[in-house]
Amino acid sequence: MGAAVGPARAYPEIDTDALLNARGKQAFAEIGAQCIAQFTVGQAFRRMRDYTTVPQLLGVPAVQRVIAENTMGRFKPGSPLYVYQACSTSWRSRRRWTSSCAHTARRAFPCSTAGSRSATT
């Protein structure tokens, strides 16, 4: 469900009011107000069919169009891209980050609206 909230907000043609049942609407609202560290714990191992009014959400034409439009590799970038992914949201020196990355990636940090998080390793 977490992966559906962003596209549903960006593409109003995905009519979530028609596609989601009461449980789905509640989960959609909760997930929309949380960060990934919060909703992944509560939403793990859930099935989309438990939240929807349709038997196969990926079979809905509007959903298929949005997925097709956002499929990676569909377009070639017109300029070079720098792709970066970190294991930790904490600012650290490279040496310290490298040594603690595997440990830190397994921890769930509480969300902060200011964007700063603190942790001890």
PDB file of N, CA and C in Angstrom:
ATOM      1  N   MET A   1       0.830  -1.192   0.000  1.00  0.00           N
ATOM      2  CA  MET A   1       0.000   0.000   0.000  1.00  0.00           C
ATOM      3  C   MET A   1       0.870   1.250   0.000  1.00  0.00           C
ATOM      4  N   GLY A   2       2.017   1.187   0.651  1.00  0.00           N
ATOM      5  CA  GLY A   2       2.905   2.354   0.705  1.00  0.00           C
ATOM      6  C   GLY A   2       3.348   2.814  -0.660  1.00  0.00           C
ATOM      7  N   ALA A   3       3.557   1.884  -1.578  1.00  0.00           N
ATOM      8  CA  ALA A   3       3.987   2.246  -2.927  1.00  0.00           C
ATOM      9  C   ALA A   3       2.854   2.846  -3.745  1.00  0.00           C
ATOM     10  N   ALA A   4       1.635   2.731  -3.302  1.00  0.00           N
ATOM     11  CA  ALA A   4       0.488   3.244  -4.049  1.00  0.00           C
ATOM     12  C   ALA A   4       0.109   4.668  -3.667  1.00  0.00           C
ATOM     13  N   VAL A   5       0.503   5.114  -2.492  1.00  0.00           N
ATOM     14  CA  VAL A   5       0.071   6.433  -2.006  1.00  0.00           C
ATOM     15  C   VAL A   5       0.609   7.562  -2.872  1.00  0.00           C
ATOM     16  N   GLY A   6       1.908   7.574  -3.154  1.00  0.00           N
ATOM     17  CA  GLY A   6       2.501   8.647  -3.956  1.00  0.00           C
ATOM     18  C   GLY A   6       1.912   8.761  -5.348  1.00  0.00           C
ATOM     19  N   PRO A   7       1.899   7.663  -6.122  1.00  0.00           N
ATOM     20  CA  PRO A   7       1.299   7.754  -7.459  1.00  0.00           C
ATOM     21  C   PRO A   7      -0.178   8.143  -7.425  1.00  0.00           C
ATOM     22  N   ALA A   8      -0.917   7.665  -6.448  1.00  0.00           N
ATOM     23  CA  ALA A   8      -2.338   8.016  -6.364  1.00  0.00           C
ATOM     24  C   ALA A   8      -2.525   9.504  -6.107  1.00  0.00           C
ATOM     25  N   ARG A   9      -1.623  10.097  -5.342  1.00  0.00           N
ATOM     26  CA  ARG A   9      -1.696  11.543  -5.103  1.00  0.00           C
ATOM     27  C   ARG A   9      -1.289  12.330  -6.345  1.00  0.00           C
ATOM     28  N   ALA A  10      -0.292  11.827  -7.066  1.00  0.00           N
ATOM     29  CA  ALA A  10       0.217  12.529  -8.245  1.00  0.00           C
ATOM     30  C   ALA A  10      -0.694  12.372  -9.457  1.00  0.00           C
ATOM     31  N   TYR A  11      -1.465  11.313  -9.489  1.00  0.00           N
ATOM     32  CA  TYR A  11      -2.331  11.028 -10.635  1.00  0.00           C
ATOM     33  C   TYR A  11      -3.774  10.893 -10.152  1.00  0.00           C
ATOM     34  N   PRO A  12      -4.533  11.986 -10.152  1.00  0.00           N
ATOM     35  CA  PRO A  12      -5.918  11.927  -9.667  1.00  0.00           C
ATOM     36  C   PRO A  12      -6.829  11.022 -10.500  1.00  0.00           C
ATOM     37  N   GLU A  13      -6.383  10.665 -11.714  1.00  0.00           N
ATOM     38  CA  GLU A  13      -7.210   9.742 -12.510  1.00  0.00           C
ATOM     39  C   GLU A  13      -7.288   8.351 -11.877  1.00  0.00           C
ATOM     40  N   ILE A  14      -6.392   8.059 -10.927  1.00  0.00           N
ATOM     41  CA  ILE A  14      -6.543   6.844 -10.122  1.00  0.00           C
ATOM     42  C   ILE A  14      -7.543   7.204  -9.035  1.00  0.00           C
ATOM     43  N   ASP A  15      -8.764   6.811  -9.226  1.00  0.00           N
ATOM     44  CA  ASP A  15      -9.861   7.186  -8.329  1.00  0.00           C
ATOM     45  C   ASP A  15      -9.819   6.314  -7.072  1.00  0.00           C
ATOM     46  N   THR A  16      -9.052   6.756  -6.088  1.00  0.00           N
ATOM     47  CA  THR A  16      -8.895   5.949  -4.878  1.00  0.00           C
ATOM     48  C   THR A  16     -10.204   5.780  -4.115  1.00  0.00           C
ATOM     49  N   ASP A  17     -11.109   6.757  -4.200  1.00  0.00           N
ATOM     50  CA  ASP A  17     -12.395   6.616  -3.513  1.00  0.00           C
ATOM     51  C   ASP A  17     -13.183   5.425  -4.056  1.00  0.00           C
ATOM     52  N   ALA A  18     -13.082   5.183  -5.345  1.00  0.00           N
ATOM     53  CA  ALA A  18     -13.801   4.056  -5.955  1.00  0.00           C
ATOM     54  C   ALA A  18     -13.038   2.742  -5.809  1.00  0.00           C
ATOM     55  N   LEU A  19     -11.714   2.819  -5.748  1.00  0.00           N
ATOM     56  CA  LEU A  19     -10.904   1.592  -5.723  1.00  0.00           C
ATOM     57  C   LEU A  19     -10.642   1.043  -4.323  1.00  0.00           C
ATOM     58  N   LEU A  20     -10.712   1.888  -3.304  1.00  0.00           N
ATOM     59  CA  LEU A  20     -10.402   1.441  -1.953  1.00  0.00           C
ATOM     60  C   LEU A  20     -11.657   1.220  -1.120  1.00  0.00           C
ATOM     61  N   ASN A  21     -11.667   0.129  -0.346  1.00  0.00           N
ATOM     62  CA  ASN A  21     -12.743  -0.112   0.603  1.00  0.00           C
ATOM     63  C   ASN A  21     -12.464   0.700   1.875  1.00  0.00           C
ATOM     64  N   ALA A  22     -13.289   0.552   2.900  1.00  0.00           N
ATOM     65  CA  ALA A  22     -13.121   1.341   4.124  1.00  0.00           C
ATOM     66  C   ALA A  22     -11.756   1.089   4.772  1.00  0.00           C
ATOM     67  N   ARG A  23     -11.344  -0.163   4.814  1.00  0.00           N
ATOM     68  CA  ARG A  23     -10.033  -0.496   5.395  1.00  0.00           C
ATOM     69  C   ARG A  23      -8.901   0.120   4.562  1.00  0.00           C
ATOM     70  N   GLY A  24      -9.049   0.100   3.247  1.00  0.00           N
ATOM     71  CA  GLY A  24      -8.052   0.682   2.358  1.00  0.00           C
ATOM     72  C   GLY A  24      -7.956   2.189   2.507  1.00  0.00           C
ATOM     73  N   LYS A  25      -9.088   2.847   2.652  1.00  0.00           N
ATOM     74  CA  LYS A  25      -9.100   4.302   2.827  1.00  0.00           C
ATOM     75  C   LYS A  25      -8.430   4.694   4.149  1.00  0.00           C
ATOM     76  N   GLN A  26      -8.663   3.904   5.189  1.00  0.00           N
ATOM     77  CA  GLN A  26      -8.026   4.172   6.474  1.00  0.00           C
ATOM     78  C   GLN A  26      -6.511   3.976   6.367  1.00  0.00           C
ATOM     79  N   ALA A  27      -6.081   2.877   5.738  1.00  0.00           N
ATOM     80  CA  ALA A  27      -4.642   2.612   5.579  1.00  0.00           C
ATOM     81  C   ALA A  27      -3.994   3.682   4.706  1.00  0.00           C
ATOM     82  N   PHE A  28      -4.671   4.106   3.641  1.00  0.00           N
ATOM     83  CA  PHE A  28      -4.163   5.143   2.741  1.00  0.00           C
ATOM     84  C   PHE A  28      -3.917   6.439   3.512  1.00  0.00           C
ATOM     85  N   ALA A  29      -4.869   6.825   4.350  1.00  0.00           N
ATOM     86  CA  ALA A  29      -4.733   8.053   5.147  1.00  0.00           C
ATOM     87  C   ALA A  29      -3.598   7.930   6.156  1.00  0.00           C
ATOM     88  N   GLU A  30      -3.492   6.786   6.817  1.00  0.00           N
ATOM     89  CA  GLU A  30      -2.433   6.576   7.809  1.00  0.00           C
ATOM     90  C   GLU A  30      -1.053   6.583   7.152  1.00  0.00           C
ATOM     91  N   ILE A  31      -0.905   5.849   6.066  1.00  0.00           N
ATOM     92  CA  ILE A  31       0.381   5.754   5.378  1.00  0.00           C
ATOM     93  C   ILE A  31       0.791   7.109   4.822  1.00  0.00           C
ATOM     94  N   GLY A  32      -0.170   7.868   4.327  1.00  0.00           N
ATOM     95  CA  GLY A  32       0.126   9.186   3.773  1.00  0.00           C
ATOM     96  C   GLY A  32       0.682  10.167   4.783  1.00  0.00           C
ATOM     97  N   ALA A  33       0.471   9.900   6.067  1.00  0.00           N
ATOM     98  CA  ALA A  33       0.962  10.788   7.119  1.00  0.00           C
ATOM     99  C   ALA A  33       2.208  10.249   7.803  1.00  0.00           C
ATOM    100  N   GLN A  34       2.738   9.122   7.316  1.00  0.00           N
ATOM    101  CA  GLN A  34       3.891   8.494   7.956  1.00  0.00           C
ATOM    102  C   GLN A  34       5.083   8.436   7.011  1.00  0.00           C
ATOM    103  N   CYS A  35       6.255   8.183   7.590  1.00  0.00           N
ATOM    104  CA  CYS A  35       7.436   7.952   6.766  1.00  0.00           C
ATOM    105  C   CYS A  35       7.606   6.440   6.601  1.00  0.00           C
ATOM    106  N   ILE A  36       8.504   6.050   5.738  1.00  0.00           N
ATOM    107  CA  ILE A  36       8.663   4.636   5.406  1.00  0.00           C
ATOM    108  C   ILE A  36       9.025   3.783   6.624  1.00  0.00           C
ATOM    109  N   ALA A  37       9.822   4.320   7.534  1.00  0.00           N
ATOM    110  CA  ALA A  37      10.203   3.553   8.722  1.00  0.00           C
ATOM    111  C   ALA A  37       9.003   3.258   9.608  1.00  0.00           C
ATOM    112  N   GLN A  38       7.999   4.103   9.556  1.00  0.00           N
ATOM    113  CA  GLN A  38       6.804   3.888  10.365  1.00  0.00           C
ATOM    114  C   GLN A  38       5.826   2.935   9.690  1.00  0.00           C
ATOM    115  N   PHE A  39       5.522   3.157   8.415  1.00  0.00           N
ATOM    116  CA  PHE A  39       4.470   2.334   7.821  1.00  0.00           C
ATOM    117  C   PHE A  39       4.919   0.948   7.400  1.00  0.00           C
ATOM    118  N   THR A  40       6.202   0.734   7.171  1.00  0.00           N
ATOM    119  CA  THR A  40       6.613  -0.610   6.752  1.00  0.00           C
ATOM    120  C   THR A  40       6.416  -1.630   7.859  1.00  0.00           C
ATOM    121  N   VAL A  41       6.573  -1.236   9.090  1.00  0.00           N
ATOM    122  CA  VAL A  41       6.372  -2.168  10.199  1.00  0.00           C
ATOM    123  C   VAL A  41       4.897  -2.556  10.306  1.00  0.00           C
ATOM    124  N   GLY A  42       4.024  -1.587  10.257  1.00  0.00           N
ATOM    125  CA  GLY A  42       2.596  -1.856  10.414  1.00  0.00           C
ATOM    126  C   GLY A  42       1.921  -2.442   9.185  1.00  0.00           C
ATOM    127  N   GLN A  43       2.507  -2.249   8.012  1.00  0.00           N
ATOM    128  CA  GLN A  43       1.873  -2.701   6.776  1.00  0.00           C
ATOM    129  C   GLN A  43       2.559  -3.913   6.145  1.00  0.00           C
ATOM    130  N   ALA A  44       3.552  -4.450   6.786  1.00  0.00           N
ATOM    131  CA  ALA A  44       4.268  -5.597   6.217  1.00  0.00           C
ATOM    132  C   ALA A  44       3.335  -6.802   6.069  1.00  0.00           C
ATOM    133  N   PHE A  45       3.531  -7.526   4.991  1.00  0.00           N
ATOM    134  CA  PHE A  45       2.828  -8.785   4.720  1.00  0.00           C
ATOM    135  C   PHE A  45       1.316  -8.622   4.549  1.00  0.00           C
ATOM    136  N   ARG A  46       0.882  -7.458   4.146  1.00  0.00           N
ATOM    137  CA  ARG A  46      -0.540  -7.216   3.851  1.00  0.00           C
ATOM    138  C   ARG A  46      -0.752  -7.393   2.352  1.00  0.00           C
ATOM    139  N   ARG A  47      -1.950  -7.727   1.961  1.00  0.00           N
ATOM    140  CA  ARG A  47      -2.280  -7.925   0.542  1.00  0.00           C
ATOM    141  C   ARG A  47      -3.173  -6.774   0.068  1.00  0.00           C
ATOM    142  N   MET A  48      -2.874  -6.261  -1.118  1.00  0.00           N
ATOM    143  CA  MET A  48      -3.662  -5.152  -1.671  1.00  0.00           C
ATOM    144  C   MET A  48      -5.131  -5.527  -1.815  1.00  0.00           C
ATOM    145  N   ARG A  49      -5.408  -6.781  -2.119  1.00  0.00           N
ATOM    146  CA  ARG A  49      -6.810  -7.180  -2.321  1.00  0.00           C
ATOM    147  C   ARG A  49      -7.638  -7.014  -1.040  1.00  0.00           C
ATOM    148  N   ASP A  50      -6.990  -6.950   0.118  1.00  0.00           N
ATOM    149  CA  ASP A  50      -7.706  -6.715   1.370  1.00  0.00           C
ATOM    150  C   ASP A  50      -8.124  -5.258   1.523  1.00  0.00           C
ATOM    151  N   TYR A  51      -7.566  -4.383   0.696  1.00  0.00           N
ATOM    152  CA  TYR A  51      -7.853  -2.954   0.775  1.00  0.00           C
ATOM    153  C   TYR A  51      -8.693  -2.424  -0.385  1.00  0.00           C
ATOM    154  N   THR A  52      -8.928  -3.210  -1.394  1.00  0.00           N
ATOM    155  CA  THR A  52      -9.557  -2.694  -2.612  1.00  0.00           C
ATOM    156  C   THR A  52     -10.957  -3.247  -2.843  1.00  0.00           C
ATOM    157  N   THR A  53     -11.688  -2.559  -3.710  1.00  0.00           N
ATOM    158  CA  THR A  53     -13.028  -2.992  -4.102  1.00  0.00           C
ATOM    159  C   THR A  53     -12.992  -3.779  -5.407  1.00  0.00           C
ATOM    160  N   VAL A  54     -11.833  -3.858  -6.023  1.00  0.00           N
ATOM    161  CA  VAL A  54     -11.681  -4.605  -7.274  1.00  0.00           C
ATOM    162  C   VAL A  54     -10.824  -5.838  -7.006  1.00  0.00           C
ATOM    163  N   PRO A  55     -11.059  -6.919  -7.746  1.00  0.00           N
ATOM    164  CA  PRO A  55     -10.288  -8.138  -7.488  1.00  0.00           C
ATOM    165  C   PRO A  55      -8.811  -8.037  -7.855  1.00  0.00           C
ATOM    166  N   GLN A  56      -8.481  -7.246  -8.877  1.00  0.00           N
ATOM    167  CA  GLN A  56      -7.099  -7.137  -9.339  1.00  0.00           C
ATOM    168  C   GLN A  56      -6.781  -5.673  -9.614  1.00  0.00           C
ATOM    169  N   LEU A  57      -6.140  -5.010  -8.672  1.00  0.00           N
ATOM    170  CA  LEU A  57      -5.849  -3.584  -8.792  1.00  0.00           C
ATOM    171  C   LEU A  57      -4.981  -3.280 -10.010  1.00  0.00           C
ATOM    172  N   LEU A  58      -4.033  -4.144 -10.295  1.00  0.00           N
ATOM    173  CA  LEU A  58      -3.144  -3.907 -11.437  1.00  0.00           C
ATOM    174  C   LEU A  58      -3.854  -4.102 -12.779  1.00  0.00           C
ATOM    175  N   GLY A  59      -5.070  -4.571 -12.753  1.00  0.00           N
ATOM    176  CA  GLY A  59      -5.857  -4.711 -13.974  1.00  0.00           C
ATOM    177  C   GLY A  59      -6.704  -3.491 -14.305  1.00  0.00           C
ATOM    178  N   VAL A  60      -6.744  -2.518 -13.421  1.00  0.00           N
ATOM    179  CA  VAL A  60      -7.517  -1.289 -13.640  1.00  0.00           C
ATOM    180  C   VAL A  60      -6.787  -0.441 -14.675  1.00  0.00           C
ATOM    181  N   PRO A  61      -7.461  -0.040 -15.777  1.00  0.00           N
ATOM    182  CA  PRO A  61      -6.793   0.704 -16.854  1.00  0.00           C
ATOM    183  C   PRO A  61      -6.052   1.958 -16.391  1.00  0.00           C
ATOM    184  N   ALA A  62      -6.619   2.745 -15.492  1.00  0.00           N
ATOM    185  CA  ALA A  62      -5.936   3.963 -15.020  1.00  0.00           C
ATOM    186  C   ALA A  62      -4.647   3.612 -14.285  1.00  0.00           C
ATOM    187  N   VAL A  63      -4.668   2.565 -13.501  1.00  0.00           N
ATOM    188  CA  VAL A  63      -3.476   2.120 -12.770  1.00  0.00           C
ATOM    189  C   VAL A  63      -2.428   1.617 -13.759  1.00  0.00           C
ATOM    190  N   GLN A  64      -2.847   0.877 -14.757  1.00  0.00           N
ATOM    191  CA  GLN A  64      -1.920   0.378 -15.778  1.00  0.00           C
ATOM    192  C   GLN A  64      -1.245   1.515 -16.525  1.00  0.00           C
ATOM    193  N   ARG A  65      -1.992   2.573 -16.862  1.00  0.00           N
ATOM    194  CA  ARG A  65      -1.416   3.726 -17.567  1.00  0.00           C
ATOM    195  C   ARG A  65      -0.359   4.429 -16.714  1.00  0.00           C
ATOM    196  N   VAL A  66      -0.644   4.603 -15.426  1.00  0.00           N
ATOM    197  CA  VAL A  66       0.310   5.280 -14.533  1.00  0.00           C
ATOM    198  C   VAL A  66       1.572   4.436 -14.371  1.00  0.00           C
ATOM    199  N   ILE A  67       1.420   3.143 -14.209  1.00  0.00           N
ATOM    200  CA  ILE A  67       2.580   2.257 -14.089  1.00  0.00           C
ATOM    201  C   ILE A  67       3.409   2.306 -15.365  1.00  0.00           C
ATOM    202  N   ALA A  68       2.750   2.255 -16.514  1.00  0.00           N
ATOM    203  CA  ALA A  68       3.471   2.305 -17.795  1.00  0.00           C
ATOM    204  C   ALA A  68       4.223   3.623 -17.951  1.00  0.00           C
ATOM    205  N   GLU A  69       3.613   4.710 -17.537  1.00  0.00           N
ATOM    206  CA  GLU A  69       4.253   6.018 -17.659  1.00  0.00           C
ATOM    207  C   GLU A  69       5.464   6.153 -16.744  1.00  0.00           C
ATOM    208  N   ASN A  70       5.467   5.429 -15.639  1.00  0.00           N
ATOM    209  CA  ASN A  70       6.538   5.549 -14.650  1.00  0.00           C
ATOM    210  C   ASN A  70       7.492   4.367 -14.630  1.00  0.00           C
ATOM    211  N   THR A  71       7.476   3.553 -15.658  1.00  0.00           N
ATOM    212  CA  THR A  71       8.376   2.412 -15.721  1.00  0.00           C
ATOM    213  C   THR A  71       9.787   2.893 -16.035  1.00  0.00           C
ATOM    214  N   MET A  72      10.729   2.494 -15.207  1.00  0.00           N
ATOM    215  CA  MET A  72      12.124   2.913 -15.413  1.00  0.00           C
ATOM    216  C   MET A  72      12.671   2.317 -16.704  1.00  0.00           C
ATOM    217  N   GLY A  73      13.535   3.072 -17.358  1.00  0.00           N
ATOM    218  CA  GLY A  73      14.151   2.617 -18.592  1.00  0.00           C
ATOM    219  C   GLY A  73      13.353   2.958 -19.832  1.00  0.00           C
ATOM    220  N   ARG A  74      12.235   3.585 -19.643  1.00  0.00           N
ATOM    221  CA  ARG A  74      11.378   3.941 -20.777  1.00  0.00           C
ATOM    222  C   ARG A  74      11.969   5.072 -21.604  1.00  0.00           C
ATOM    223  N   PHE A  75      12.644   5.997 -20.951  1.00  0.00           N
ATOM    224  CA  PHE A  75      13.246   7.135 -21.628  1.00  0.00           C
ATOM    225  C   PHE A  75      14.736   7.189 -21.335  1.00  0.00           C
ATOM    226  N   LYS A  76      15.496   7.638 -22.293  1.00  0.00           N
ATOM    227  CA  LYS A  76      16.922   7.837 -22.109  1.00  0.00           C
ATOM    228  C   LYS A  76      17.132   9.277 -21.635  1.00  0.00           C
ATOM    229  N   PRO A  77      17.873   9.464 -20.535  1.00  0.00           N
ATOM    230  CA  PRO A  77      18.107  10.828 -20.048  1.00  0.00           C
ATOM    231  C   PRO A  77      18.862  11.655 -21.084  1.00  0.00           C
ATOM    232  N   GLY A  78      18.569  12.939 -21.146  1.00  0.00           N
ATOM    233  CA  GLY A  78      19.228  13.834 -22.079  1.00  0.00           C
ATOM    234  C   GLY A  78      20.551  14.371 -21.574  1.00  0.00           C
ATOM    235  N   SER A  79      20.853  14.077 -20.318  1.00  0.00           N
ATOM    236  CA  SER A  79      22.119  14.525 -19.730  1.00  0.00           C
ATOM    237  C   SER A  79      22.583  13.466 -18.731  1.00  0.00           C
ATOM    238  N   PRO A  80      23.853  13.532 -18.331  1.00  0.00           N
ATOM    239  CA  PRO A  80      24.335  12.559 -17.344  1.00  0.00           C
ATOM    240  C   PRO A  80      23.596  12.695 -16.017  1.00  0.00           C
ATOM    241  N   LEU A  81      23.411  11.596 -15.330  1.00  0.00           N
ATOM    242  CA  LEU A  81      22.757  11.581 -14.031  1.00  0.00           C
ATOM    243  C   LEU A  81      23.706  11.077 -12.962  1.00  0.00           C
ATOM    244  N   TYR A  82      23.602  11.640 -11.787  1.00  0.00           N
ATOM    245  CA  TYR A  82      24.342  11.149 -10.638  1.00  0.00           C
ATOM    246  C   TYR A  82      23.330  10.455  -9.744  1.00  0.00           C
ATOM    247  N   VAL A  83      23.434   9.161  -9.612  1.00  0.00           N
ATOM    248  CA  VAL A  83      22.501   8.385  -8.805  1.00  0.00           C
ATOM    249  C   VAL A  83      23.187   8.031  -7.496  1.00  0.00           C
ATOM    250  N   TYR A  84      22.565   8.384  -6.400  1.00  0.00           N
ATOM    251  CA  TYR A  84      23.158   8.175  -5.087  1.00  0.00           C
ATOM    252  C   TYR A  84      22.135   7.503  -4.185  1.00  0.00           C
ATOM    253  N   GLN A  85      22.572   6.528  -3.428  1.00  0.00           N
ATOM    254  CA  GLN A  85      21.714   5.886  -2.441  1.00  0.00           C
ATOM    255  C   GLN A  85      22.551   5.614  -1.207  1.00  0.00           C
ATOM    256  N   ALA A  86      22.049   6.025  -0.071  1.00  0.00           N
ATOM    257  CA  ALA A  86      22.793   5.842   1.179  1.00  0.00           C
ATOM    258  C   ALA A  86      22.123   4.793   2.044  1.00  0.00           C
ATOM    259  N   CYS A  87      22.897   4.197   2.909  1.00  0.00           N
ATOM    260  CA  CYS A  87      22.364   3.233   3.871  1.00  0.00           C
ATOM    261  C   CYS A  87      21.843   3.924   5.117  1.00  0.00           C
ATOM    262  N   SER A  88      22.300   5.115   5.370  1.00  0.00           N
ATOM    263  CA  SER A  88      21.955   5.798   6.607  1.00  0.00           C
ATOM    264  C   SER A  88      21.586   7.242   6.308  1.00  0.00           C
ATOM    265  N   THR A  89      20.661   7.769   7.093  1.00  0.00           N
ATOM    266  CA  THR A  89      20.283   9.169   6.925  1.00  0.00           C
ATOM    267  C   THR A  89      21.100  10.078   7.831  1.00  0.00           C
ATOM    268  N   SER A  90      21.918   9.505   8.686  1.00  0.00           N
ATOM    269  CA  SER A  90      22.745  10.306   9.583  1.00  0.00           C
ATOM    270  C   SER A  90      23.977  10.805   8.843  1.00  0.00           C
ATOM    271  N   TRP A  91      24.419  12.017   9.169  1.00  0.00           N
ATOM    272  CA  TRP A  91      25.637  12.558   8.570  1.00  0.00           C
ATOM    273  C   TRP A  91      26.825  11.994   9.323  1.00  0.00           C
ATOM    274  N   ARG A  92      27.741  11.379   8.592  1.00  0.00           N
ATOM    275  CA  ARG A  92      28.912  10.782   9.202  1.00  0.00           C
ATOM    276  C   ARG A  92      30.095  10.931   8.269  1.00  0.00           C
ATOM    277  N   SER A  93      31.271  10.741   8.839  1.00  0.00           N
ATOM    278  CA  SER A  93      32.436  10.692   7.968  1.00  0.00           C
ATOM    279  C   SER A  93      32.368   9.419   7.146  1.00  0.00           C
ATOM    280  N   ARG A  94      33.014   9.402   5.993  1.00  0.00           N
ATOM    281  CA  ARG A  94      32.944   8.239   5.105  1.00  0.00           C
ATOM    282  C   ARG A  94      33.420   6.967   5.810  1.00  0.00           C
ATOM    283  N   ARG A  95      34.521   7.064   6.571  1.00  0.00           N
ATOM    284  CA  ARG A  95      35.048   5.875   7.238  1.00  0.00           C
ATOM    285  C   ARG A  95      34.045   5.330   8.253  1.00  0.00           C
ATOM    286  N   ARG A  96      33.481   6.205   9.043  1.00  0.00           N
ATOM    287  CA  ARG A  96      32.514   5.770  10.045  1.00  0.00           C
ATOM    288  C   ARG A  96      31.258   5.252   9.366  1.00  0.00           C
ATOM    289  N   TRP A  97      30.806   5.924   8.311  1.00  0.00           N
ATOM    290  CA  TRP A  97      29.622   5.489   7.584  1.00  0.00           C
ATOM    291  C   TRP A  97      29.821   4.104   7.001  1.00  0.00           C
ATOM    292  N   THR A  98      30.973   3.870   6.391  1.00  0.00           N
ATOM    293  CA  THR A  98      31.251   2.582   5.778  1.00  0.00           C
ATOM    294  C   THR A  98      31.242   1.471   6.812  1.00  0.00           C
ATOM    295  N   SER A  99      31.829   1.705   7.965  1.00  0.00           N
ATOM    296  CA  SER A  99      31.907   0.655   8.974  1.00  0.00           C
ATOM    297  C   SER A  99      30.578   0.384   9.653  1.00  0.00           C
ATOM    298  N   SER A 100      29.689   1.346   9.689  1.00  0.00           N
ATOM    299  CA  SER A 100      28.425   1.137  10.395  1.00  0.00           C
ATOM    300  C   SER A 100      27.228   0.989   9.476  1.00  0.00           C
ATOM    301  N   CYS A 101      27.438   1.011   8.167  1.00  0.00           N
ATOM    302  CA  CYS A 101      26.325   0.994   7.218  1.00  0.00           C
ATOM    303  C   CYS A 101      25.426  -0.225   7.399  1.00  0.00           C
ATOM    304  N   ALA A 102      25.989  -1.393   7.448  1.00  0.00           N
ATOM    305  CA  ALA A 102      25.186  -2.607   7.547  1.00  0.00           C
ATOM    306  C   ALA A 102      24.375  -2.610   8.839  1.00  0.00           C
ATOM    307  N   HIS A 103      24.970  -2.156   9.922  1.00  0.00           N
ATOM    308  CA  HIS A 103      24.271  -2.118  11.200  1.00  0.00           C
ATOM    309  C   HIS A 103      23.159  -1.062  11.189  1.00  0.00           C
ATOM    310  N   THR A 104      23.469   0.099  10.690  1.00  0.00           N
ATOM    311  CA  THR A 104      22.527   1.209  10.688  1.00  0.00           C
ATOM    312  C   THR A 104      21.337   0.940   9.784  1.00  0.00           C
ATOM    313  N   ALA A 105      21.552   0.294   8.661  1.00  0.00           N
ATOM    314  CA  ALA A 105      20.472   0.058   7.709  1.00  0.00           C
ATOM    315  C   ALA A 105      19.368  -0.804   8.299  1.00  0.00           C
ATOM    316  N   ARG A 106      19.678  -1.576   9.320  1.00  0.00           N
ATOM    317  CA  ARG A 106      18.674  -2.440   9.923  1.00  0.00           C
ATOM    318  C   ARG A 106      17.856  -1.738  11.002  1.00  0.00           C
ATOM    319  N   ARG A 107      18.270  -0.565  11.397  1.00  0.00           N
ATOM    320  CA  ARG A 107      17.549   0.150  12.445  1.00  0.00           C
ATOM    321  C   ARG A 107      16.452   1.017  11.858  1.00  0.00           C
ATOM    322  N   ALA A 108      15.394   1.182  12.565  1.00  0.00           N
ATOM    323  CA  ALA A 108      14.321   2.084  12.142  1.00  0.00           C
ATOM    324  C   ALA A 108      14.430   3.368  12.952  1.00  0.00           C
ATOM    325  N   PHE A 109      14.614   4.492  12.266  1.00  0.00           N
ATOM    326  CA  PHE A 109      14.709   5.774  12.939  1.00  0.00           C
ATOM    327  C   PHE A 109      13.326   6.410  12.970  1.00  0.00           C
ATOM    328  N   PRO A 110      12.988   7.086  14.054  1.00  0.00           N
ATOM    329  CA  PRO A 110      11.729   7.837  14.054  1.00  0.00           C
ATOM    330  C   PRO A 110      11.823   8.998  13.060  1.00  0.00           C
ATOM    331  N   CYS A 111      10.724   9.327  12.453  1.00  0.00           N
ATOM    332  CA  CYS A 111      10.715  10.406  11.458  1.00  0.00           C
ATOM    333  C   CYS A 111      10.859  11.759  12.136  1.00  0.00           C
ATOM    334  N   SER A 112      11.407  12.675  11.413  1.00  0.00           N
ATOM    335  CA  SER A 112      11.570  14.029  11.911  1.00  0.00           C
ATOM    336  C   SER A 112      11.164  14.984  10.809  1.00  0.00           C
ATOM    337  N   THR A 113      10.256  15.897  11.099  1.00  0.00           N
ATOM    338  CA  THR A 113       9.837  16.861  10.086  1.00  0.00           C
ATOM    339  C   THR A 113      10.938  17.833   9.741  1.00  0.00           C
ATOM    340  N   ALA A 114      11.903  18.001  10.648  1.00  0.00           N
ATOM    341  CA  ALA A 114      13.021  18.907  10.377  1.00  0.00           C
ATOM    342  C   ALA A 114      14.074  18.246   9.505  1.00  0.00           C
ATOM    343  N   GLY A 115      13.959  16.951   9.329  1.00  0.00           N
ATOM    344  CA  GLY A 115      14.893  16.248   8.467  1.00  0.00           C
ATOM    345  C   GLY A 115      16.171  15.807   9.160  1.00  0.00           C
ATOM    346  N   SER A 116      16.273  16.042  10.451  1.00  0.00           N
ATOM    347  CA  SER A 116      17.481  15.620  11.160  1.00  0.00           C
ATOM    348  C   SER A 116      17.168  14.427  12.040  1.00  0.00           C
ATOM    349  N   ARG A 117      18.090  13.507  12.094  1.00  0.00           N
ATOM    350  CA  ARG A 117      17.933  12.328  12.919  1.00  0.00           C
ATOM    351  C   ARG A 117      19.223  12.096  13.660  1.00  0.00           C
ATOM    352  N   SER A 118      19.134  11.533  14.813  1.00  0.00           N
ATOM    353  CA  SER A 118      20.355  11.239  15.548  1.00  0.00           C
ATOM    354  C   SER A 118      20.371   9.775  15.925  1.00  0.00           C
ATOM    355  N   ALA A 119      21.549   9.207  15.954  1.00  0.00           N
ATOM    356  CA  ALA A 119      21.697   7.808  16.311  1.00  0.00           C
ATOM    357  C   ALA A 119      23.062   7.607  16.907  1.00  0.00           C
ATOM    358  N   THR A 120      23.155   6.620  17.718  1.00  0.00           N
ATOM    359  CA  THR A 120      24.465   6.237  18.226  1.00  0.00           C
ATOM    360  C   THR A 120      24.816   4.887  17.649  1.00  0.00           C
ATOM    361  N   THR A 121      26.060   4.677  17.345  1.00  0.00           N
ATOM    362  CA  THR A 121      26.462   3.393  16.759  1.00  0.00           C
ATOM    363  C   THR A 121      27.358   2.651  17.708  1.00  0.00           C
TER     364      THR A 121
END
